[in-house]
């Protein structure tokens, strides 16, 4: 597994130092919040400055809700980052805000997208929403109406298509294609649980849903309307094993139905079936993105 190489990772000692100081400040604030029940009225100016710096770091990609660790690249949550997001909910007041001539009520404003053009990214009008604290990389395309929630990380060169939802803390790699009407679930609590991860080079067909901390391995191609969740088995025909919670890298995946254990019940005349995901090897590991579209259409 690999992290997104979108140019916004902690690549130098200054960023690491700032992130370390920010982690300490958020952890101290969290401990005080839990001990004393700090609320929006009792939060100090320093507290709010810490929260603003935290949101800035999320948007810059300097801190992330989850990262890969170890030789196998297992994704683990950065609990303190999730705590920082929860603090922004607990220490801010809900107030009326304006967006596109419509009044909405939230504790957070929308992200400032004024520099998207300088980075080659675009967000089309009529409903594309990026919430404060979400990272959108360079050369991205966000088609309306799409929604990217706080703590989400969208890597360079990624397409978030029409009617897509990228949930809180979801980690989307570089050069990913999220087909129209795709749902990427959010995992904010428990703070120690890793969020949904879509690694670099993945292509998800229209209508896919990925939930509950599922990890989609890099360069995989997933057929339309596939549900990926830890509760549904993945039949990996490459390694000839049944796995849960992840799709290995370099796979082509699609939904099939297998016989259910309740097939013998009298109510299920003709048998009962449950969904499963079948994963096969990509015929060509160097498929171009345009060719992947053809693969998805063939499913």
C-alpha atoms as a PDB file:
ATOM      1  CA  UNK A   1       0.000   0.000   0.000  1.00  0.00           C
ATOM      2  CA  UNK A   2       1.218   3.500  -0.667  1.00  0.00           C
ATOM      3  CA  UNK A   3       0.327   7.023   0.424  1.00  0.00           C
ATOM      4  CA  UNK A   4      -0.636   9.705  -2.038  1.00  0.00           C
ATOM      5  CA  UNK A   5       2.418  11.496  -3.405  1.00  0.00           C
ATOM      6  CA  UNK A   6       0.598  14.745  -3.994  1.00  0.00           C
ATOM      7  CA  UNK A   7       3.365  17.072  -2.921  1.00  0.00           C
ATOM      8  CA  UNK A   8       1.775  18.021   0.419  1.00  0.00           C
ATOM      9  CA  UNK A   9       3.213  15.397   2.741  1.00  0.00           C
ATOM     10  CA  UNK A  10       5.496  16.206   5.671  1.00  0.00           C
ATOM     11  CA  UNK A  11       8.616  16.425   3.523  1.00  0.00           C
ATOM     12  CA  UNK A  12      10.825  18.705   5.593  1.00  0.00           C
ATOM     13  CA  UNK A  13      11.869  19.194   9.200  1.00  0.00           C
ATOM     14  CA  UNK A  14      10.045  22.519   9.547  1.00  0.00           C
ATOM     15  CA  UNK A  15       6.710  20.952   8.664  1.00  0.00           C
ATOM     16  CA  UNK A  16       7.418  18.003  10.957  1.00  0.00           C
ATOM     17  CA  UNK A  17       8.285  20.393  13.759  1.00  0.00           C
ATOM     18  CA  UNK A  18       5.108  22.409  13.218  1.00  0.00           C
ATOM     19  CA  UNK A  19       3.003  19.268  13.058  1.00  0.00           C
ATOM     20  CA  UNK A  20       4.574  18.012  16.276  1.00  0.00           C
ATOM     21  CA  UNK A  21       3.854  21.292  18.058  1.00  0.00           C
ATOM     22  CA  UNK A  22       0.313  21.260  16.695  1.00  0.00           C
ATOM     23  CA  UNK A  23      -0.235  17.695  17.895  1.00  0.00           C
ATOM     24  CA  UNK A  24       0.911  18.701  21.383  1.00  0.00           C
ATOM     25  CA  UNK A  25      -1.410  21.726  21.426  1.00  0.00           C
ATOM     26  CA  UNK A  26      -4.419  19.740  20.217  1.00  0.00           C
ATOM     27  CA  UNK A  27      -3.750  16.941  22.702  1.00  0.00           C
ATOM     28  CA  UNK A  28      -3.488  19.421  25.592  1.00  0.00           C
ATOM     29  CA  UNK A  29      -6.718  21.116  24.510  1.00  0.00           C
ATOM     30  CA  UNK A  30      -8.465  17.760  24.176  1.00  0.00           C
ATOM     31  CA  UNK A  31      -7.398  16.704  27.657  1.00  0.00           C
ATOM     32  CA  UNK A  32      -8.623  19.994  29.101  1.00  0.00           C
ATOM     33  CA  UNK A  33     -11.866  19.710  27.161  1.00  0.00           C
ATOM     34  CA  UNK A  34     -12.523  16.225  28.513  1.00  0.00           C
ATOM     35  CA  UNK A  35     -11.593  17.161  32.080  1.00  0.00           C
ATOM     36  CA  UNK A  36     -13.364  20.518  32.329  1.00  0.00           C
ATOM     37  CA  UNK A  37     -16.087  20.356  29.698  1.00  0.00           C
ATOM     38  CA  UNK A  38     -14.813  23.382  27.783  1.00  0.00           C
ATOM     39  CA  UNK A  39     -17.461  24.798  25.448  1.00  0.00           C
ATOM     40  CA  UNK A  40     -17.710  27.569  22.874  1.00  0.00           C
ATOM     41  CA  UNK A  41     -18.291  30.205  25.569  1.00  0.00           C
ATOM     42  CA  UNK A  42     -15.241  29.254  27.639  1.00  0.00           C
ATOM     43  CA  UNK A  43     -12.796  28.696  24.750  1.00  0.00           C
ATOM     44  CA  UNK A  44      -9.990  31.256  24.789  1.00  0.00           C
ATOM     45  CA  UNK A  45      -8.496  33.200  21.884  1.00  0.00           C
ATOM     46  CA  UNK A  46      -5.448  30.924  22.057  1.00  0.00           C
ATOM     47  CA  UNK A  47      -7.717  27.888  21.837  1.00  0.00           C
ATOM     48  CA  UNK A  48      -9.383  29.240  18.713  1.00  0.00           C
ATOM     49  CA  UNK A  49      -6.013  30.168  17.195  1.00  0.00           C
ATOM     50  CA  UNK A  50      -4.913  26.557  17.710  1.00  0.00           C
ATOM     51  CA  UNK A  51      -8.032  25.285  15.965  1.00  0.00           C
ATOM     52  CA  UNK A  52      -7.512  27.662  13.037  1.00  0.00           C
ATOM     53  CA  UNK A  53      -3.885  26.580  12.658  1.00  0.00           C
ATOM     54  CA  UNK A  54      -5.036  22.966  12.778  1.00  0.00           C
ATOM     55  CA  UNK A  55      -7.585  23.483   9.998  1.00  0.00           C
ATOM     56  CA  UNK A  56      -4.959  25.289   7.922  1.00  0.00           C
ATOM     57  CA  UNK A  57      -2.602  22.327   8.334  1.00  0.00           C
ATOM     58  CA  UNK A  58      -5.321  19.903   7.249  1.00  0.00           C
ATOM     59  CA  UNK A  59      -6.079  21.943   4.150  1.00  0.00           C
ATOM     60  CA  UNK A  60      -2.381  22.200   3.277  1.00  0.00           C
ATOM     61  CA  UNK A  61      -1.972  18.440   3.665  1.00  0.00           C
ATOM     62  CA  UNK A  62       0.633  18.903   6.397  1.00  0.00           C
ATOM     63  CA  UNK A  63      -1.345  16.678   8.764  1.00  0.00           C
ATOM     64  CA  UNK A  64      -3.651  13.812   7.887  1.00  0.00           C
ATOM     65  CA  UNK A  65      -6.268  11.739   9.666  1.00  0.00           C
ATOM     66  CA  UNK A  66      -4.522   8.491   8.682  1.00  0.00           C
ATOM     67  CA  UNK A  67      -1.197   7.414   7.190  1.00  0.00           C
ATOM     68  CA  UNK A  68       0.473   4.141   6.144  1.00  0.00           C
ATOM     69  CA  UNK A  69       3.067   2.689   8.521  1.00  0.00           C
ATOM     70  CA  UNK A  70       5.482  -0.216   8.548  1.00  0.00           C
ATOM     71  CA  UNK A  71       6.835  -2.399   5.783  1.00  0.00           C
ATOM     72  CA  UNK A  72       3.369  -3.560   4.749  1.00  0.00           C
ATOM     73  CA  UNK A  73       2.065  -0.002   4.576  1.00  0.00           C
ATOM     74  CA  UNK A  74      -0.843  -0.651   6.930  1.00  0.00           C
ATOM     75  CA  UNK A  75      -3.028   2.417   7.319  1.00  0.00           C
ATOM     76  CA  UNK A  76      -3.536   3.637  10.873  1.00  0.00           C
ATOM     77  CA  UNK A  77      -5.469   6.578  12.207  1.00  0.00           C
ATOM     78  CA  UNK A  78      -3.849   9.655  13.716  1.00  0.00           C
ATOM     79  CA  UNK A  79      -6.203   9.877  16.692  1.00  0.00           C
ATOM     80  CA  UNK A  80      -5.089  13.383  17.614  1.00  0.00           C
ATOM     81  CA  UNK A  81      -6.151  14.672  14.191  1.00  0.00           C
ATOM     82  CA  UNK A  82      -9.638  13.285  14.688  1.00  0.00           C
ATOM     83  CA  UNK A  83      -9.643  14.843  18.145  1.00  0.00           C
ATOM     84  CA  UNK A  84      -8.804  18.186  16.550  1.00  0.00           C
ATOM     85  CA  UNK A  85     -11.788  17.867  14.228  1.00  0.00           C
ATOM     86  CA  UNK A  86     -14.090  16.981  17.121  1.00  0.00           C
ATOM     87  CA  UNK A  87     -12.766  19.972  19.063  1.00  0.00           C
ATOM     88  CA  UNK A  88     -13.768  22.219  16.184  1.00  0.00           C
ATOM     89  CA  UNK A  89     -17.308  20.902  16.561  1.00  0.00           C
ATOM     90  CA  UNK A  90     -17.350  21.212  20.335  1.00  0.00           C
ATOM     91  CA  UNK A  91     -15.697  24.616  20.760  1.00  0.00           C
ATOM     92  CA  UNK A  92     -17.413  26.531  17.960  1.00  0.00           C
ATOM     93  CA  UNK A  93     -20.923  27.909  17.811  1.00  0.00           C
ATOM     94  CA  UNK A  94     -23.326  27.070  15.041  1.00  0.00           C
ATOM     95  CA  UNK A  95     -24.200  30.214  13.126  1.00  0.00           C
ATOM     96  CA  UNK A  96     -25.854  31.285   9.917  1.00  0.00           C
ATOM     97  CA  UNK A  97     -23.585  31.463   6.865  1.00  0.00           C
ATOM     98  CA  UNK A  98     -24.087  32.221   3.187  1.00  0.00           C
ATOM     99  CA  UNK A  99     -23.244  30.058   0.195  1.00  0.00           C
ATOM    100  CA  UNK A 100     -24.523  30.602  -3.325  1.00  0.00           C
ATOM    101  CA  UNK A 101     -27.259  32.921  -2.124  1.00  0.00           C
ATOM    102  CA  UNK A 102     -28.523  30.306   0.349  1.00  0.00           C
ATOM    103  CA  UNK A 103     -28.276  30.536   4.127  1.00  0.00           C
ATOM    104  CA  UNK A 104     -26.967  27.452   5.906  1.00  0.00           C
ATOM    105  CA  UNK A 105     -26.093  26.814   9.554  1.00  0.00           C
ATOM    106  CA  UNK A 106     -22.839  25.194  10.618  1.00  0.00           C
ATOM    107  CA  UNK A 107     -19.897  25.470  12.999  1.00  0.00           C
ATOM    108  CA  UNK A 108     -17.472  25.618  10.067  1.00  0.00           C
ATOM    109  CA  UNK A 109     -17.342  27.779   6.945  1.00  0.00           C
ATOM    110  CA  UNK A 110     -16.529  26.357   3.543  1.00  0.00           C
ATOM    111  CA  UNK A 111     -12.911  26.029   2.474  1.00  0.00           C
ATOM    112  CA  UNK A 112     -11.372  28.942   0.591  1.00  0.00           C
ATOM    113  CA  UNK A 113     -10.967  27.665  -2.970  1.00  0.00           C
ATOM    114  CA  UNK A 114      -9.594  30.928  -4.405  1.00  0.00           C
ATOM    115  CA  UNK A 115      -6.157  29.352  -5.000  1.00  0.00           C
ATOM    116  CA  UNK A 116      -7.501  26.276  -6.817  1.00  0.00           C
ATOM    117  CA  UNK A 117      -6.841  27.849 -10.211  1.00  0.00           C
ATOM    118  CA  UNK A 118      -3.201  28.554  -9.355  1.00  0.00           C
ATOM    119  CA  UNK A 119      -2.751  24.852  -8.577  1.00  0.00           C
ATOM    120  CA  UNK A 120      -4.579  23.689 -11.694  1.00  0.00           C
ATOM    121  CA  UNK A 121      -7.603  22.435  -9.768  1.00  0.00           C
ATOM    122  CA  UNK A 122     -11.195  23.317 -10.560  1.00  0.00           C
ATOM    123  CA  UNK A 123     -14.499  23.059  -8.755  1.00  0.00           C
ATOM    124  CA  UNK A 124     -17.538  23.568 -10.953  1.00  0.00           C
ATOM    125  CA  UNK A 125     -20.468  25.730  -9.746  1.00  0.00           C
ATOM    126  CA  UNK A 126     -23.994  24.824  -8.629  1.00  0.00           C
ATOM    127  CA  UNK A 127     -23.376  22.723  -5.576  1.00  0.00           C
ATOM    128  CA  UNK A 128     -19.716  21.722  -5.297  1.00  0.00           C
ATOM    129  CA  UNK A 129     -18.944  21.997  -1.575  1.00  0.00           C
ATOM    130  CA  UNK A 130     -15.547  21.673   0.098  1.00  0.00           C
ATOM    131  CA  UNK A 131     -15.832  22.070   3.834  1.00  0.00           C
ATOM    132  CA  UNK A 132     -13.174  23.890   5.854  1.00  0.00           C
ATOM    133  CA  UNK A 133     -10.414  21.491   6.901  1.00  0.00           C
ATOM    134  CA  UNK A 134     -10.476  19.345   3.741  1.00  0.00           C
ATOM    135  CA  UNK A 135      -7.385  19.019   1.552  1.00  0.00           C
ATOM    136  CA  UNK A 136      -7.714  19.196  -2.233  1.00  0.00           C
ATOM    137  CA  UNK A 137      -4.472  18.697  -4.144  1.00  0.00           C
ATOM    138  CA  UNK A 138      -3.245  20.133  -7.432  1.00  0.00           C
ATOM    139  CA  UNK A 139      -4.751  19.301 -10.834  1.00  0.00           C
ATOM    140  CA  UNK A 140      -7.943  17.986  -9.251  1.00  0.00           C
ATOM    141  CA  UNK A 141     -11.421  18.190 -10.758  1.00  0.00           C
ATOM    142  CA  UNK A 142     -14.493  18.466  -8.528  1.00  0.00           C
ATOM    143  CA  UNK A 143     -17.721  18.250 -10.518  1.00  0.00           C
ATOM    144  CA  UNK A 144     -20.945  19.617  -9.100  1.00  0.00           C
ATOM    145  CA  UNK A 145     -22.732  18.651  -7.048  1.00  0.00           C
ATOM    146  CA  UNK A 146     -19.924  17.016  -5.055  1.00  0.00           C
ATOM    147  CA  UNK A 147     -19.226  17.230  -1.326  1.00  0.00           C
ATOM    148  CA  UNK A 148     -15.844  16.888   0.411  1.00  0.00           C
ATOM    149  CA  UNK A 149     -16.069  16.828   4.201  1.00  0.00           C
ATOM    150  CA  UNK A 150     -13.713  18.083   6.908  1.00  0.00           C
ATOM    151  CA  UNK A 151     -10.547  16.008   7.384  1.00  0.00           C
ATOM    152  CA  UNK A 152     -10.772  14.411   3.941  1.00  0.00           C
ATOM    153  CA  UNK A 153      -7.592  14.308   1.860  1.00  0.00           C
ATOM    154  CA  UNK A 154      -7.906  14.348  -1.946  1.00  0.00           C
ATOM    155  CA  UNK A 155      -4.605  13.756  -3.747  1.00  0.00           C
ATOM    156  CA  UNK A 156      -3.204  15.393  -6.879  1.00  0.00           C
ATOM    157  CA  UNK A 157      -4.810  14.675 -10.224  1.00  0.00           C
ATOM    158  CA  UNK A 158      -7.948  13.119  -8.740  1.00  0.00           C
ATOM    159  CA  UNK A 159     -11.447  13.416 -10.214  1.00  0.00           C
ATOM    160  CA  UNK A 160     -14.390  13.729  -7.831  1.00  0.00           C
ATOM    161  CA  UNK A 161     -17.333  13.371 -10.182  1.00  0.00           C
ATOM    162  CA  UNK A 162     -20.930  14.595 -10.031  1.00  0.00           C
ATOM    163  CA  UNK A 163     -22.975  13.676  -6.939  1.00  0.00           C
ATOM    164  CA  UNK A 164     -19.936  12.176  -5.157  1.00  0.00           C
ATOM    165  CA  UNK A 165     -19.533  12.350  -1.384  1.00  0.00           C
ATOM    166  CA  UNK A 166     -16.110  12.144   0.246  1.00  0.00           C
ATOM    167  CA  UNK A 167     -16.718  11.574   3.938  1.00  0.00           C
ATOM    168  CA  UNK A 168     -14.926  13.038   6.940  1.00  0.00           C
ATOM    169  CA  UNK A 169     -11.283  11.898   7.220  1.00  0.00           C
ATOM    170  CA  UNK A 170     -11.431   9.762   4.044  1.00  0.00           C
ATOM    171  CA  UNK A 171      -8.020   9.452   2.396  1.00  0.00           C
ATOM    172  CA  UNK A 172      -8.110   9.614  -1.403  1.00  0.00           C
ATOM    173  CA  UNK A 173      -4.809   9.114  -3.226  1.00  0.00           C
ATOM    174  CA  UNK A 174      -3.324  10.727  -6.320  1.00  0.00           C
ATOM    175  CA  UNK A 175      -4.692  10.152  -9.821  1.00  0.00           C
ATOM    176  CA  UNK A 176      -7.869   8.516  -8.533  1.00  0.00           C
ATOM    177  CA  UNK A 177     -11.145   8.511 -10.457  1.00  0.00           C
ATOM    178  CA  UNK A 178     -14.326   8.504  -8.402  1.00  0.00           C
ATOM    179  CA  UNK A 179     -17.194   7.742 -10.801  1.00  0.00           C
ATOM    180  CA  UNK A 180     -20.435   9.702 -10.616  1.00  0.00           C
ATOM    181  CA  UNK A 181     -22.680   9.120  -7.596  1.00  0.00           C
ATOM    182  CA  UNK A 182     -19.907   7.428  -5.596  1.00  0.00           C
ATOM    183  CA  UNK A 183     -20.066   7.417  -1.796  1.00  0.00           C
ATOM    184  CA  UNK A 184     -16.828   7.366   0.206  1.00  0.00           C
ATOM    185  CA  UNK A 185     -17.853   6.939   3.816  1.00  0.00           C
ATOM    186  CA  UNK A 186     -16.411   8.882   6.714  1.00  0.00           C
ATOM    187  CA  UNK A 187     -15.010   7.447   9.936  1.00  0.00           C
ATOM    188  CA  UNK A 188     -14.618  10.153  12.566  1.00  0.00           C
ATOM    189  CA  UNK A 189     -15.365   8.134  15.698  1.00  0.00           C
ATOM    190  CA  UNK A 190     -13.934   6.105  17.350  1.00  0.00           C
ATOM    191  CA  UNK A 191     -10.858   8.274  16.860  1.00  0.00           C
ATOM    192  CA  UNK A 192      -8.522   5.275  16.807  1.00  0.00           C
ATOM    193  CA  UNK A 193     -10.305   3.673  13.832  1.00  0.00           C
ATOM    194  CA  UNK A 194      -8.757   4.197  10.392  1.00  0.00           C
ATOM    195  CA  UNK A 195     -11.012   5.923   7.848  1.00  0.00           C
ATOM    196  CA  UNK A 196     -11.816   4.788   4.329  1.00  0.00           C
ATOM    197  CA  UNK A 197      -8.696   4.764   2.140  1.00  0.00           C
ATOM    198  CA  UNK A 198      -8.590   4.856  -1.662  1.00  0.00           C
ATOM    199  CA  UNK A 199      -4.954   4.484  -2.704  1.00  0.00           C
ATOM    200  CA  UNK A 200      -3.183   6.021  -5.705  1.00  0.00           C
ATOM    201  CA  UNK A 201      -4.340   5.229  -9.228  1.00  0.00           C
ATOM    202  CA  UNK A 202      -7.666   3.625  -8.267  1.00  0.00           C
ATOM    203  CA  UNK A 203     -10.697   3.900 -10.549  1.00  0.00           C
ATOM    204  CA  UNK A 204     -14.134   3.447  -8.987  1.00  0.00           C
ATOM    205  CA  UNK A 205     -17.088   2.990 -11.326  1.00  0.00           C
ATOM    206  CA  UNK A 206     -20.268   5.035 -10.996  1.00  0.00           C
ATOM    207  CA  UNK A 207     -22.408   4.298  -7.967  1.00  0.00           C
ATOM    208  CA  UNK A 208     -19.726   2.578  -5.889  1.00  0.00           C
ATOM    209  CA  UNK A 209     -19.904   2.770  -2.105  1.00  0.00           C
ATOM    210  CA  UNK A 210     -16.881   2.320   0.147  1.00  0.00           C
ATOM    211  CA  UNK A 211     -17.533   2.377   3.888  1.00  0.00           C
ATOM    212  CA  UNK A 212     -16.336   1.592   7.415  1.00  0.00           C
ATOM    213  CA  UNK A 213     -12.579   1.913   7.010  1.00  0.00           C
ATOM    214  CA  UNK A 214     -12.283  -0.263   3.889  1.00  0.00           C
ATOM    215  CA  UNK A 215      -8.955   0.090   2.019  1.00  0.00           C
ATOM    216  CA  UNK A 216      -8.873  -0.055  -1.785  1.00  0.00           C
ATOM    217  CA  UNK A 217      -5.359  -0.956  -2.941  1.00  0.00           C
ATOM    218  CA  UNK A 218      -3.480   1.121  -5.496  1.00  0.00           C
ATOM    219  CA  UNK A 219      -4.197   0.882  -9.228  1.00  0.00           C
ATOM    220  CA  UNK A 220      -7.305  -1.236  -8.729  1.00  0.00           C
ATOM    221  CA  UNK A 221     -10.342  -0.925 -11.002  1.00  0.00           C
ATOM    222  CA  UNK A 222     -13.765  -1.387  -9.414  1.00  0.00           C
ATOM    223  CA  UNK A 223     -16.922  -1.966 -11.446  1.00  0.00           C
ATOM    224  CA  UNK A 224     -20.057   0.146 -11.173  1.00  0.00           C
ATOM    225  CA  UNK A 225     -22.361  -0.121  -8.147  1.00  0.00           C
ATOM    226  CA  UNK A 226     -19.916  -2.224  -6.128  1.00  0.00           C
ATOM    227  CA  UNK A 227     -20.278  -2.064  -2.354  1.00  0.00           C
ATOM    228  CA  UNK A 228     -16.970  -2.364  -0.478  1.00  0.00           C
ATOM    229  CA  UNK A 229     -17.356  -2.737   3.262  1.00  0.00           C
ATOM    230  CA  UNK A 230     -15.655  -4.957   5.893  1.00  0.00           C
ATOM    231  CA  UNK A 231     -18.879  -6.916   6.294  1.00  0.00           C
ATOM    232  CA  UNK A 232     -18.849  -8.211   2.704  1.00  0.00           C
ATOM    233  CA  UNK A 233     -16.238 -10.845   1.758  1.00  0.00           C
ATOM    234  CA  UNK A 234     -13.744 -10.244  -1.034  1.00  0.00           C
ATOM    235  CA  UNK A 235     -13.014 -13.428  -3.009  1.00  0.00           C
ATOM    236  CA  UNK A 236      -9.469 -12.779  -4.208  1.00  0.00           C
ATOM    237  CA  UNK A 237      -8.934 -15.143  -7.115  1.00  0.00           C
ATOM    238  CA  UNK A 238      -5.289 -14.055  -7.430  1.00  0.00           C
ATOM    239  CA  UNK A 239      -4.205 -15.349  -4.019  1.00  0.00           C
ATOM    240  CA  UNK A 240      -7.153 -17.740  -3.796  1.00  0.00           C
ATOM    241  CA  UNK A 241      -8.350 -16.510  -0.431  1.00  0.00           C
ATOM    242  CA  UNK A 242     -11.322 -14.778   1.141  1.00  0.00           C
ATOM    243  CA  UNK A 243     -10.458 -11.480   2.825  1.00  0.00           C
ATOM    244  CA  UNK A 244     -12.354  -8.722   4.585  1.00  0.00           C
ATOM    245  CA  UNK A 245     -11.843  -4.976   4.833  1.00  0.00           C
ATOM    246  CA  UNK A 246      -9.530  -4.485   1.873  1.00  0.00           C
ATOM    247  CA  UNK A 247      -9.108  -4.936  -1.840  1.00  0.00           C
ATOM    248  CA  UNK A 248      -5.475  -5.752  -2.674  1.00  0.00           C
ATOM    249  CA  UNK A 249      -3.534  -3.615  -5.125  1.00  0.00           C
ATOM    250  CA  UNK A 250      -3.691  -4.233  -8.878  1.00  0.00           C
ATOM    251  CA  UNK A 251      -7.119  -5.880  -8.857  1.00  0.00           C
ATOM    252  CA  UNK A 252     -10.244  -5.659 -10.965  1.00  0.00           C
ATOM    253  CA  UNK A 253     -13.289  -6.046  -8.711  1.00  0.00           C
ATOM    254  CA  UNK A 254     -17.008  -6.473  -9.213  1.00  0.00           C
ATOM    255  CA  UNK A 255     -20.062  -7.696  -7.325  1.00  0.00           C
ATOM    256  CA  UNK A 256     -21.425 -11.231  -7.545  1.00  0.00           C
ATOM    257  CA  UNK A 257     -23.851 -13.154  -5.340  1.00  0.00           C
ATOM    258  CA  UNK A 258     -23.028 -16.322  -3.406  1.00  0.00           C
ATOM    259  CA  UNK A 259     -25.321 -18.761  -1.646  1.00  0.00           C
ATOM    260  CA  UNK A 260     -26.358 -17.729   1.848  1.00  0.00           C
ATOM    261  CA  UNK A 261     -26.333 -19.965   4.905  1.00  0.00           C
ATOM    262  CA  UNK A 262     -30.081 -19.371   5.318  1.00  0.00           C
ATOM    263  CA  UNK A 263     -30.860 -20.898   1.913  1.00  0.00           C
ATOM    264  CA  UNK A 264     -32.564 -23.881   3.533  1.00  0.00           C
ATOM    265  CA  UNK A 265     -35.137 -21.728   5.345  1.00  0.00           C
ATOM    266  CA  UNK A 266     -38.684 -22.405   4.218  1.00  0.00           C
ATOM    267  CA  UNK A 267     -39.264 -18.736   3.392  1.00  0.00           C
ATOM    268  CA  UNK A 268     -36.552 -18.748   0.722  1.00  0.00           C
ATOM    269  CA  UNK A 269     -37.950 -20.927  -2.005  1.00  0.00           C
ATOM    270  CA  UNK A 270     -35.244 -21.380  -4.619  1.00  0.00           C
ATOM    271  CA  UNK A 271     -32.429 -20.421  -2.263  1.00  0.00           C
ATOM    272  CA  UNK A 272     -31.107 -17.240  -0.674  1.00  0.00           C
ATOM    273  CA  UNK A 273     -28.054 -15.315  -1.805  1.00  0.00           C
ATOM    274  CA  UNK A 274     -25.815 -12.608  -0.372  1.00  0.00           C
ATOM    275  CA  UNK A 275     -23.493 -10.099  -2.067  1.00  0.00           C
ATOM    276  CA  UNK A 276     -19.775 -10.726  -2.399  1.00  0.00           C
ATOM    277  CA  UNK A 277     -16.919  -9.013  -4.200  1.00  0.00           C
ATOM    278  CA  UNK A 278     -14.838 -10.934  -6.713  1.00  0.00           C
ATOM    279  CA  UNK A 279     -11.275  -9.693  -7.325  1.00  0.00           C
ATOM    280  CA  UNK A 280      -9.207 -10.762 -10.322  1.00  0.00           C
ATOM    281  CA  UNK A 281      -5.841  -9.635 -11.665  1.00  0.00           C
ATOM    282  CA  UNK A 282      -5.697  -6.732 -14.065  1.00  0.00           C
ATOM    283  CA  UNK A 283      -4.866  -8.053 -17.520  1.00  0.00           C
ATOM    284  CA  UNK A 284      -2.417  -5.191 -17.980  1.00  0.00           C
ATOM    285  CA  UNK A 285      -0.865  -3.503 -14.963  1.00  0.00           C
ATOM    286  CA  UNK A 286      -0.040  -0.410 -17.014  1.00  0.00           C
ATOM    287  CA  UNK A 287      -3.605   0.386 -18.059  1.00  0.00           C
ATOM    288  CA  UNK A 288      -4.041   4.024 -18.946  1.00  0.00           C
ATOM    289  CA  UNK A 289      -6.941   5.861 -17.345  1.00  0.00           C
ATOM    290  CA  UNK A 290      -8.840   5.949 -20.657  1.00  0.00           C
ATOM    291  CA  UNK A 291      -8.468   2.175 -20.951  1.00  0.00           C
ATOM    292  CA  UNK A 292      -9.774   1.720 -17.425  1.00  0.00           C
ATOM    293  CA  UNK A 293     -13.031   3.306 -18.526  1.00  0.00           C
ATOM    294  CA  UNK A 294     -13.405   0.520 -21.080  1.00  0.00           C
ATOM    295  CA  UNK A 295     -12.669  -2.071 -18.398  1.00  0.00           C
ATOM    296  CA  UNK A 296     -15.449  -0.659 -16.228  1.00  0.00           C
ATOM    297  CA  UNK A 297     -17.916  -0.675 -19.111  1.00  0.00           C
ATOM    298  CA  UNK A 298     -17.185  -4.357 -19.719  1.00  0.00           C
ATOM    299  CA  UNK A 299     -18.206  -5.419 -16.206  1.00  0.00           C
END
